[in-house]
Amino acid sequence: MILPTVRDPRFILQRRGGTLLDEDHRLLALWAAECALHVLPFFEEACPGDARPRGAIEAARAWARGEIGVTEAKVAAYHSNAAARGLTGAAKEAAYAAGQAASVAHVAAHELGAAAYAIKAVRAAAEPDLREEAGRAECSWQRELLPPRIRELVLDDQRLRNEICWSVFSGI
């Protein structure tokens, strides 16, 4: 479970009683899609021809561009998560990262799930003695991608939810 029990109003749209702007919601989805895309090769090497996680990443992007609705993005997330079933290691985590990216359309706070699962994918792919270092490098790479408008929001979210996200944002 990567979502907090109490929703942070900064990740709830203004029109729904929170403080999140539509523009920032779209930026969160695009950032999450980039995090997932970065580790997608782990899935595609293990499951060539299965386009479900790539489709979820594309759905996140399409939603951010206003080309599809939330329901279509949620369906893509569901399919990506289904692609993870039965897998282990980096391939499984990469499929979950893609599913989380598509889920940002529905709940903005899934942005951290995409990043966390991507870090887990990189760790799983690394040699055992290099896993922590690989995870830190992935987290640093993700942070470099953060658009200035949402940078502090995401960094604060990482601090607040690190524990429920397997502590993948620690030590950076």
Protein backbone atom coordinates (compact mmCIF):
# COMPACT_ATOMS: atom_id res chain seq x y z
CA MET A 1 0.00 0.00 0.00
CA ILE A 2 1.64 3.23 -1.11
CA LEU A 3 -1.21 5.62 -0.36
CA PRO A 4 -1.58 7.27 3.04
CA THR A 5 -4.63 6.54 5.16
CA VAL A 6 -5.41 10.28 5.27
CA ARG A 7 -5.30 11.99 1.88
CA ASP A 8 -2.99 14.96 1.57
CA PRO A 9 -5.03 17.96 0.29
CA ARG A 10 -2.05 19.00 -1.84
CA PHE A 11 -2.81 15.96 -4.03
CA ILE A 12 -6.55 16.64 -4.27
CA LEU A 13 -7.74 18.92 -7.05
CA GLN A 14 -8.98 22.37 -6.07
CA ARG A 15 -12.42 21.68 -7.47
CA ARG A 16 -12.63 18.70 -5.10
CA GLY A 17 -11.60 20.63 -2.00
CA GLY A 18 -7.83 20.33 -2.21
CA THR A 19 -5.12 22.66 -3.42
CA LEU A 20 -3.79 20.80 -6.49
CA LEU A 21 -4.02 22.67 -9.79
CA ASP A 22 -4.94 20.76 -12.96
CA GLU A 23 -1.63 21.81 -14.54
CA ASP A 24 0.32 20.34 -11.63
CA HIS A 25 -1.74 17.14 -11.75
CA ARG A 26 -0.72 16.73 -15.39
CA LEU A 27 2.94 17.36 -14.50
CA LEU A 28 2.76 14.67 -11.82
CA ALA A 29 1.40 12.20 -14.39
CA LEU A 30 4.10 13.04 -16.91
CA TRP A 31 6.85 12.71 -14.31
CA ALA A 32 5.44 9.38 -13.14
CA ALA A 33 5.33 8.18 -16.75
CA GLU A 34 9.00 9.06 -17.21
CA CYS A 35 9.93 7.17 -14.03
CA ALA A 36 8.07 4.10 -15.30
CA LEU A 37 9.45 4.38 -18.83
CA HIS A 38 12.99 4.40 -17.47
CA VAL A 39 12.57 0.85 -16.12
CA LEU A 40 10.19 -0.50 -18.76
CA PRO A 41 13.01 -2.43 -20.52
CA PHE A 42 13.14 -4.79 -17.53
CA PHE A 43 9.57 -5.84 -18.27
CA GLU A 44 9.90 -5.86 -22.05
CA GLU A 45 13.01 -8.06 -21.93
CA ALA A 46 11.16 -10.58 -19.77
CA CYS A 47 7.86 -10.39 -21.67
CA PRO A 48 8.48 -9.36 -25.27
CA GLY A 49 5.27 -8.69 -27.07
CA ASP A 50 3.27 -7.79 -23.95
CA ALA A 51 2.40 -4.15 -24.51
CA ARG A 52 0.26 -3.61 -21.40
CA PRO A 53 2.79 -1.68 -19.29
CA ARG A 54 3.87 0.44 -22.26
CA GLY A 55 0.19 1.07 -22.91
CA ALA A 56 -0.24 2.28 -19.32
CA ILE A 57 2.64 4.72 -19.72
CA GLU A 58 1.15 5.97 -22.96
CA ALA A 59 -2.23 6.30 -21.24
CA ALA A 60 -0.68 8.46 -18.51
CA ARG A 61 0.79 10.72 -21.16
CA ALA A 62 -2.40 10.78 -23.22
CA TRP A 63 -4.43 11.69 -20.13
CA ALA A 64 -2.00 14.51 -19.32
CA ARG A 65 -2.48 15.84 -22.88
CA GLY A 66 -6.26 15.66 -22.51
CA GLU A 67 -6.62 12.95 -25.15
CA ILE A 68 -8.24 10.32 -22.94
CA GLY A 69 -10.32 10.33 -19.79
CA VAL A 70 -9.65 9.01 -16.32
CA THR A 71 -11.59 5.80 -16.94
CA GLU A 72 -9.42 4.83 -19.89
CA ALA A 73 -6.27 5.55 -17.88
CA LYS A 74 -7.58 3.42 -15.00
CA VAL A 75 -8.25 0.52 -17.36
CA ALA A 76 -4.69 0.78 -18.69
CA ALA A 77 -3.39 0.76 -15.10
CA TYR A 78 -5.41 -2.35 -14.34
CA HIS A 79 -3.99 -4.13 -17.40
CA SER A 80 -0.42 -3.19 -16.47
CA ASN A 81 -0.91 -4.49 -12.95
CA ALA A 82 -2.34 -7.71 -14.41
CA ALA A 83 0.81 -8.04 -16.53
CA ALA A 84 2.85 -8.06 -13.31
CA ARG A 85 1.02 -11.07 -11.91
CA GLY A 86 3.08 -14.21 -12.01
CA LEU A 87 6.32 -12.30 -12.50
CA THR A 88 9.12 -11.64 -10.06
CA GLY A 89 11.95 -9.19 -9.73
CA ALA A 90 12.58 -6.21 -11.94
CA ALA A 91 9.99 -7.16 -14.58
CA LYS A 92 7.22 -7.28 -11.98
CA GLU A 93 8.23 -3.98 -10.37
CA ALA A 94 8.47 -2.27 -13.78
CA ALA A 95 4.93 -3.36 -14.69
CA TYR A 96 3.67 -2.02 -11.36
CA ALA A 97 5.51 1.27 -11.97
CA ALA A 98 3.66 1.65 -15.27
CA GLY A 99 0.35 0.86 -13.61
CA GLN A 100 0.99 3.48 -10.95
CA ALA A 101 1.85 6.05 -13.62
CA ALA A 102 -1.50 5.52 -15.34
CA SER A 103 -3.27 5.65 -11.97
CA VAL A 104 -2.11 9.23 -11.42
CA ALA A 105 -5.00 10.33 -13.64
CA HIS A 106 -7.40 9.02 -11.00
CA VAL A 107 -5.44 9.79 -7.81
CA ALA A 108 -2.54 12.21 -8.10
CA ALA A 109 -0.75 10.65 -5.11
CA HIS A 110 0.04 7.57 -7.23
CA GLU A 111 2.94 9.62 -8.61
CA LEU A 112 5.09 8.36 -5.76
CA GLY A 113 4.10 4.76 -6.48
CA ALA A 114 5.48 4.97 -10.00
CA ALA A 115 8.77 6.32 -8.66
CA ALA A 116 8.98 3.81 -5.80
CA TYR A 117 8.26 0.79 -7.99
CA ALA A 118 10.83 2.02 -10.51
CA ILE A 119 13.44 2.18 -7.75
CA LYS A 120 12.44 -1.33 -6.66
CA ALA A 121 12.87 -2.51 -10.27
CA VAL A 122 16.37 -1.08 -10.50
CA ARG A 123 17.30 -2.61 -7.15
CA ALA A 124 15.95 -6.00 -8.22
CA ALA A 125 17.96 -5.91 -11.44
CA ALA A 126 21.23 -5.01 -9.70
CA GLU A 127 23.76 -7.39 -8.24
CA PRO A 128 22.94 -7.99 -4.55
CA ASP A 129 25.86 -5.94 -3.22
CA LEU A 130 24.98 -3.01 -5.51
CA ARG A 131 21.21 -2.83 -4.92
CA GLU A 132 21.20 0.06 -2.46
CA GLU A 133 23.58 2.09 -4.60
CA ALA A 134 21.49 1.39 -7.72
CA GLY A 135 18.34 2.48 -5.90
CA ARG A 136 19.94 5.72 -4.76
CA ALA A 137 21.15 6.45 -8.28
CA GLU A 138 17.65 5.85 -9.69
CA CYS A 139 16.09 8.10 -7.05
CA SER A 140 18.60 10.85 -7.87
CA TRP A 141 17.87 10.48 -11.58
CA GLN A 142 14.14 10.77 -10.91
CA ARG A 143 14.62 13.87 -8.81
CA GLU A 144 16.62 15.53 -11.58
CA LEU A 145 13.59 15.09 -13.87
CA LEU A 146 11.18 16.86 -11.54
CA PRO A 147 9.68 19.98 -13.10
CA PRO A 148 10.31 23.02 -10.87
CA ARG A 149 6.55 23.58 -10.34
CA ILE A 150 6.13 20.25 -8.56
CA ARG A 151 9.63 19.63 -7.23
CA GLU A 152 9.07 20.65 -3.61
CA LEU A 153 5.67 18.95 -3.51
CA VAL A 154 7.12 15.61 -4.63
CA LEU A 155 10.23 15.86 -2.44
CA ASP A 156 8.06 16.58 0.59
CA ASP A 157 5.77 13.69 -0.36
CA GLN A 158 8.82 11.42 -0.51
CA ARG A 159 9.80 12.47 3.01
CA LEU A 160 6.29 11.96 4.35
CA ARG A 161 5.55 8.63 2.66
CA ASN A 162 9.01 7.09 2.56
CA GLU A 163 8.16 4.52 5.20
CA ILE A 164 5.07 3.21 3.41
CA CYS A 165 7.03 3.18 0.13
CA TRP A 166 9.52 0.57 1.37
CA SER A 167 11.94 3.35 2.44
CA VAL A 168 13.22 3.64 -1.13
CA PHE A 169 13.63 7.42 -0.81
CA SER A 170 16.02 7.18 2.18
CA GLY A 171 19.66 8.08 2.15
CA ILE A 172 19.56 10.43 -0.81
